[in-house]
């Protein structure tokens, strides 16, 4: 019997920026409720994996990209 391939070998991932994806309550900022409402849409596109981009300010102890983009998650604008 052949071992099963890891799930990520044939996954179709969608990079989702929650605050920019879909706004469910018309406040101008995307939210998890909006993302949840669009799961069927993503499934119809063939998406099998969702990668959530950072949605809160980084504690600055990571050594990868979310440090540079943490200002985008602040509702007030550019991190003022």
Protein backbone atom coordinates (compact mmCIF):
# COMPACT_ATOMS: atom_id res chain seq x y z
CA UNK A 1 0.00 0.00 0.00
CA UNK A 2 1.34 3.42 -1.03
CA UNK A 3 1.59 6.10 1.72
CA UNK A 4 -0.81 9.00 1.38
CA UNK A 5 0.64 12.25 -0.02
CA UNK A 6 0.76 15.25 2.37
CA UNK A 7 -2.33 17.49 2.00
CA UNK A 8 -0.31 20.49 0.85
CA UNK A 9 1.07 18.72 -2.24
CA UNK A 10 -2.11 19.39 -4.22
CA UNK A 11 -3.68 22.17 -2.13
CA UNK A 12 -4.97 25.34 -3.75
CA UNK A 13 -4.28 28.08 -1.22
CA UNK A 14 -5.97 31.48 -1.12
CA UNK A 15 -4.17 34.30 0.68
CA UNK A 16 -6.89 36.15 2.57
CA UNK A 17 -6.49 39.61 4.10
CA UNK A 18 -9.53 39.60 6.38
CA UNK A 19 -9.84 43.39 6.71
CA UNK A 20 -9.89 43.86 2.93
CA UNK A 21 -11.83 40.77 1.83
CA UNK A 22 -15.53 41.25 2.67
CA UNK A 23 -17.35 43.59 5.04
CA UNK A 24 -20.42 41.98 6.60
CA UNK A 25 -21.68 44.93 8.66
CA UNK A 26 -21.01 47.90 6.34
CA UNK A 27 -18.48 49.62 8.61
CA UNK A 28 -15.89 49.74 5.83
CA UNK A 29 -13.59 47.07 7.27
CA UNK A 30 -13.65 43.42 6.29
CA UNK A 31 -14.28 40.96 9.10
CA UNK A 32 -14.38 37.26 9.94
CA UNK A 33 -18.16 37.16 9.53
CA UNK A 34 -17.72 38.46 5.99
CA UNK A 35 -15.01 35.90 5.24
CA UNK A 36 -17.26 33.16 6.60
CA UNK A 37 -20.11 34.32 4.32
CA UNK A 38 -17.83 33.86 1.29
CA UNK A 39 -16.51 30.36 2.08
CA UNK A 40 -18.84 28.76 -0.51
CA UNK A 41 -17.55 31.22 -3.12
CA UNK A 42 -13.95 30.26 -2.34
CA UNK A 43 -14.86 26.57 -2.45
CA UNK A 44 -16.47 27.06 -5.88
CA UNK A 45 -13.17 28.57 -7.06
CA UNK A 46 -11.46 25.34 -6.03
CA UNK A 47 -9.75 26.71 -2.93
CA UNK A 48 -8.79 23.98 -0.45
CA UNK A 49 -6.61 26.01 1.93
CA UNK A 50 -6.91 29.54 3.33
CA UNK A 51 -3.83 31.44 4.49
CA UNK A 52 -4.85 34.31 6.77
CA UNK A 53 -2.63 37.36 6.57
CA UNK A 54 -1.81 39.06 9.87
CA UNK A 55 -4.85 40.88 11.26
CA UNK A 56 -3.44 42.39 14.44
CA UNK A 57 -0.29 44.32 15.23
CA UNK A 58 2.81 42.18 15.48
CA UNK A 59 4.54 41.97 18.86
CA UNK A 60 7.75 42.50 16.82
CA UNK A 61 9.31 39.22 17.90
CA UNK A 62 8.90 37.44 14.56
CA UNK A 63 11.64 37.25 11.98
CA UNK A 64 9.42 37.25 8.90
CA UNK A 65 7.20 39.51 6.82
CA UNK A 66 4.41 40.33 9.30
CA UNK A 67 6.62 42.88 11.09
CA UNK A 68 6.71 45.11 8.02
CA UNK A 69 2.98 44.84 7.36
CA UNK A 70 1.66 45.08 10.91
CA UNK A 71 0.65 48.72 10.39
CA UNK A 72 -1.98 47.62 7.83
CA UNK A 73 -4.01 45.91 10.54
CA UNK A 74 -4.75 49.11 12.43
CA UNK A 75 -8.25 50.42 11.65
CA UNK A 76 -7.15 54.03 12.22
CA UNK A 77 -4.93 54.03 9.12
CA UNK A 78 -1.20 53.91 8.79
CA UNK A 79 -0.25 53.07 12.34
CA UNK A 80 -0.52 56.53 13.82
